[in-house]
Amino acid sequence: MSMRTVLQSADISRALTRIAHEILESNKGAEKLVVLGIPTRGVALADRVAQTISSISGRTVASGALDVTMYRDDLDRHPTRAPAPTSIPESGINGVTVVLVDDVLYSGRTIRAALDALGDIGRPQAVRLATLIDRGHRELPIRPDFVGKNLPSASHERINVHVLEYDGEDAVTIEEVGD
């Protein structure tokens, strides 16, 4: 099984800073903006993006976590998936732009589940999608608005995102996995 590193800490930092700038430009500022990460690593990335936007704009941007476990369509294949806490800012999501943040966009099914989960929580004015890695292979018509890196990959490869908050390091690796 071979593994190679495709992004290191500095690369991830640059990508998240660029995403933060793109979100600010797209939203025409930081007003009425909430950043929600999809557990696990999407939450850490969302917090970093929100902090960067706050630093650039001088305005505090709320962040939180959106667990999509019970909205997934693959629970029958992965029944041991443990739910993570959902934490929505006290101000809620009604009438604001919500930026969903995930580490890797692959089939689009996690994002479909996130849209369903959001609908049960409130009614955002708009929903945008930011992902650190877009690896292709979409099964649903979902496309990210903000991408750190497009990383075309084969279906027999696994993209691993490591973040300091959970893994002790920032890195993105690709590894070959068996069929």
Protein backbone atom coordinates (compact mmCIF):
# COMPACT_ATOMS: atom_id res chain seq x y z
CA MET A 1 0.00 0.00 0.00
CA SER A 2 1.69 3.22 -1.14
CA MET A 3 0.97 6.65 0.30
CA ARG A 4 2.05 10.09 -0.84
CA THR A 5 1.59 13.51 0.71
CA VAL A 6 -0.09 16.00 -1.62
CA LEU A 7 -0.63 18.94 0.75
CA GLN A 8 1.39 19.97 3.76
CA SER A 9 0.54 22.39 6.57
CA ALA A 10 1.48 25.56 4.66
CA ASP A 11 -0.52 24.41 1.61
CA ILE A 12 -3.62 23.79 3.73
CA SER A 13 -3.25 27.16 5.44
CA ARG A 14 -2.99 28.96 2.07
CA ALA A 15 -5.99 27.08 0.70
CA LEU A 16 -8.16 27.95 3.72
CA THR A 17 -7.09 31.61 3.59
CA ARG A 18 -7.99 31.73 -0.12
CA ILE A 19 -11.36 30.11 0.60
CA ALA A 20 -12.01 32.69 3.34
CA HIS A 21 -11.27 35.54 0.93
CA GLU A 22 -13.51 33.99 -1.74
CA ILE A 23 -16.36 33.61 0.75
CA LEU A 24 -16.03 37.25 1.80
CA GLU A 25 -16.05 38.40 -1.82
CA SER A 26 -18.99 36.19 -2.76
CA ASN A 27 -21.00 37.26 0.29
CA LYS A 28 -19.99 40.92 -0.13
CA GLY A 29 -18.69 40.98 3.44
CA ALA A 30 -19.12 39.03 6.65
CA GLU A 31 -22.65 40.15 7.49
CA LYS A 32 -25.33 37.48 7.84
CA LEU A 33 -22.82 34.66 7.47
CA VAL A 34 -22.57 31.37 9.39
CA VAL A 35 -19.93 28.71 8.76
CA LEU A 36 -20.85 25.12 9.64
CA GLY A 37 -18.45 22.19 9.50
CA ILE A 38 -19.43 18.61 8.83
CA PRO A 39 -17.88 16.30 11.45
CA THR A 40 -15.24 15.37 11.98
CA ARG A 41 -12.50 17.26 10.17
CA GLY A 42 -14.88 19.68 8.47
CA VAL A 43 -15.60 21.20 11.88
CA ALA A 44 -11.94 22.08 12.47
CA LEU A 45 -11.66 23.47 8.94
CA ALA A 46 -14.87 25.51 9.39
CA ASP A 47 -13.56 27.00 12.62
CA ARG A 48 -10.35 28.03 10.87
CA VAL A 49 -12.23 29.55 7.93
CA ALA A 50 -14.55 31.48 10.28
CA GLN A 51 -11.57 32.76 12.30
CA THR A 52 -9.80 33.86 9.13
CA ILE A 53 -12.90 35.64 7.83
CA SER A 54 -13.29 37.35 11.22
CA SER A 55 -9.65 38.42 11.17
CA ILE A 56 -9.84 39.79 7.62
CA SER A 57 -13.20 41.54 8.00
CA GLY A 58 -12.94 42.69 11.60
CA ARG A 59 -16.39 41.23 12.21
CA THR A 60 -17.05 38.06 14.21
CA VAL A 61 -18.35 35.20 12.08
CA ALA A 62 -20.22 32.42 13.87
CA SER A 63 -19.22 28.82 13.27
CA GLY A 64 -20.59 25.50 14.37
CA ALA A 65 -21.03 21.84 13.49
CA LEU A 66 -23.74 20.05 11.54
CA ASP A 67 -23.97 16.31 12.13
CA VAL A 68 -25.51 14.52 9.16
CA THR A 69 -25.29 10.94 10.43
CA MET A 70 -29.01 10.24 10.72
CA TYR A 71 -29.66 11.86 7.31
CA ARG A 72 -27.26 9.59 5.42
CA ASP A 73 -28.55 7.09 2.89
CA ASP A 74 -25.85 4.50 3.68
CA LEU A 75 -26.64 3.69 7.33
CA ASP A 76 -27.53 0.15 6.34
CA ARG A 77 -23.97 -0.33 5.06
CA HIS A 78 -22.25 1.54 7.91
CA PRO A 79 -24.53 1.05 10.94
CA THR A 80 -21.80 1.71 13.52
CA ARG A 81 -21.35 5.35 12.54
CA ALA A 82 -21.56 7.34 15.79
CA PRO A 83 -23.43 10.66 15.67
CA ALA A 84 -21.43 13.77 16.52
CA PRO A 85 -22.89 16.83 18.22
CA THR A 86 -24.58 19.49 16.12
CA SER A 87 -23.90 23.01 17.36
CA ILE A 88 -25.69 25.85 15.64
CA PRO A 89 -24.89 29.44 16.65
CA GLU A 90 -27.41 30.93 19.06
CA SER A 91 -28.57 33.36 16.37
CA GLY A 92 -29.66 30.39 14.24
CA ILE A 93 -29.49 30.02 10.47
CA ASN A 94 -32.74 31.63 9.32
CA GLY A 95 -32.19 34.31 6.72
CA VAL A 96 -28.40 34.04 6.63
CA THR A 97 -25.91 32.56 4.22
CA VAL A 98 -24.67 29.23 5.54
CA VAL A 99 -21.33 27.98 4.28
CA LEU A 100 -21.03 24.22 4.74
CA VAL A 101 -17.43 23.06 5.10
CA ASP A 102 -16.26 19.49 4.51
CA ASP A 103 -12.79 18.04 4.17
CA VAL A 104 -13.28 15.94 1.00
CA LEU A 105 -16.05 16.12 -1.58
CA TYR A 106 -16.49 12.79 -3.31
CA SER A 107 -19.90 11.39 -4.29
CA GLY A 108 -21.93 14.33 -2.96
CA ARG A 109 -24.03 12.15 -0.66
CA THR A 110 -22.73 13.72 2.56
CA ILE A 111 -23.70 17.16 1.25
CA ARG A 112 -27.15 15.91 0.27
CA ALA A 113 -27.55 14.70 3.84
CA ALA A 114 -26.32 18.07 5.14
CA LEU A 115 -28.94 19.92 3.08
CA ASP A 116 -31.64 17.68 4.58
CA ALA A 117 -30.29 18.32 8.09
CA LEU A 118 -30.22 22.09 7.49
CA GLY A 119 -33.85 22.00 6.38
CA ASP A 120 -34.83 20.54 9.75
CA ILE A 121 -33.00 23.30 11.63
CA GLY A 122 -34.10 26.40 9.75
CA ARG A 123 -34.31 28.23 6.46
CA PRO A 124 -31.08 29.90 5.37
CA GLN A 125 -31.18 32.64 2.75
CA ALA A 126 -28.53 30.71 0.81
CA VAL A 127 -26.28 27.69 1.26
CA ARG A 128 -22.76 27.57 -0.13
CA LEU A 129 -20.29 24.70 -0.09
CA ALA A 130 -16.58 24.89 0.71
CA THR A 131 -14.34 21.85 0.59
CA LEU A 132 -10.63 21.46 1.14
CA ILE A 133 -10.39 18.67 -1.46
CA ASP A 134 -12.62 18.00 -4.47
CA ARG A 135 -11.73 14.56 -5.75
CA GLY A 136 -14.46 14.17 -8.36
CA HIS A 137 -16.55 11.01 -8.86
CA ARG A 138 -19.87 12.77 -8.16
CA GLU A 139 -23.00 10.64 -7.95
CA LEU A 140 -25.30 13.61 -7.34
CA PRO A 141 -25.50 17.03 -9.05
CA ILE A 142 -23.59 18.83 -6.29
CA ARG A 143 -20.72 21.22 -6.95
CA PRO A 144 -18.62 23.17 -4.43
CA ASP A 145 -18.57 26.96 -4.49
CA PHE A 146 -15.13 27.15 -2.87
CA VAL A 147 -12.37 24.56 -3.32
CA GLY A 148 -8.96 24.36 -1.69
CA LYS A 149 -7.58 21.88 -4.21
CA ASN A 150 -9.01 19.82 -7.05
CA LEU A 151 -7.42 16.43 -6.67
CA PRO A 152 -8.56 14.00 -9.35
CA SER A 153 -8.18 10.50 -8.01
CA ALA A 154 -9.02 6.94 -8.89
CA SER A 155 -11.85 5.20 -7.05
CA HIS A 156 -9.33 2.72 -5.59
CA GLU A 157 -7.44 5.56 -3.90
CA ARG A 158 -8.26 7.04 -0.49
CA ILE A 159 -7.78 10.70 0.33
CA ASN A 160 -6.82 11.25 3.98
CA VAL A 161 -7.11 14.70 5.51
CA HIS A 162 -5.20 15.16 8.75
CA VAL A 163 -5.86 18.26 10.84
CA LEU A 164 -3.89 19.46 13.83
CA GLU A 165 -6.96 19.52 16.09
CA TYR A 166 -7.67 15.77 15.68
CA ASP A 167 -4.52 14.22 14.24
CA GLY A 168 -1.67 16.33 15.59
CA GLU A 169 -0.63 17.48 12.11
CA ASP A 170 -1.97 19.17 8.99
CA ALA A 171 -1.55 17.10 5.83
CA VAL A 172 -3.43 15.54 2.93
CA THR A 173 -2.30 12.16 1.67
CA ILE A 174 -3.42 9.77 -1.05
CA GLU A 175 -3.08 6.04 -0.54
CA GLU A 176 -3.76 3.03 -2.68
CA VAL A 177 -6.38 0.71 -1.17
CA GLY A 178 -7.31 -2.82 -2.18
CA ASP A 179 -10.26 -3.47 -4.47
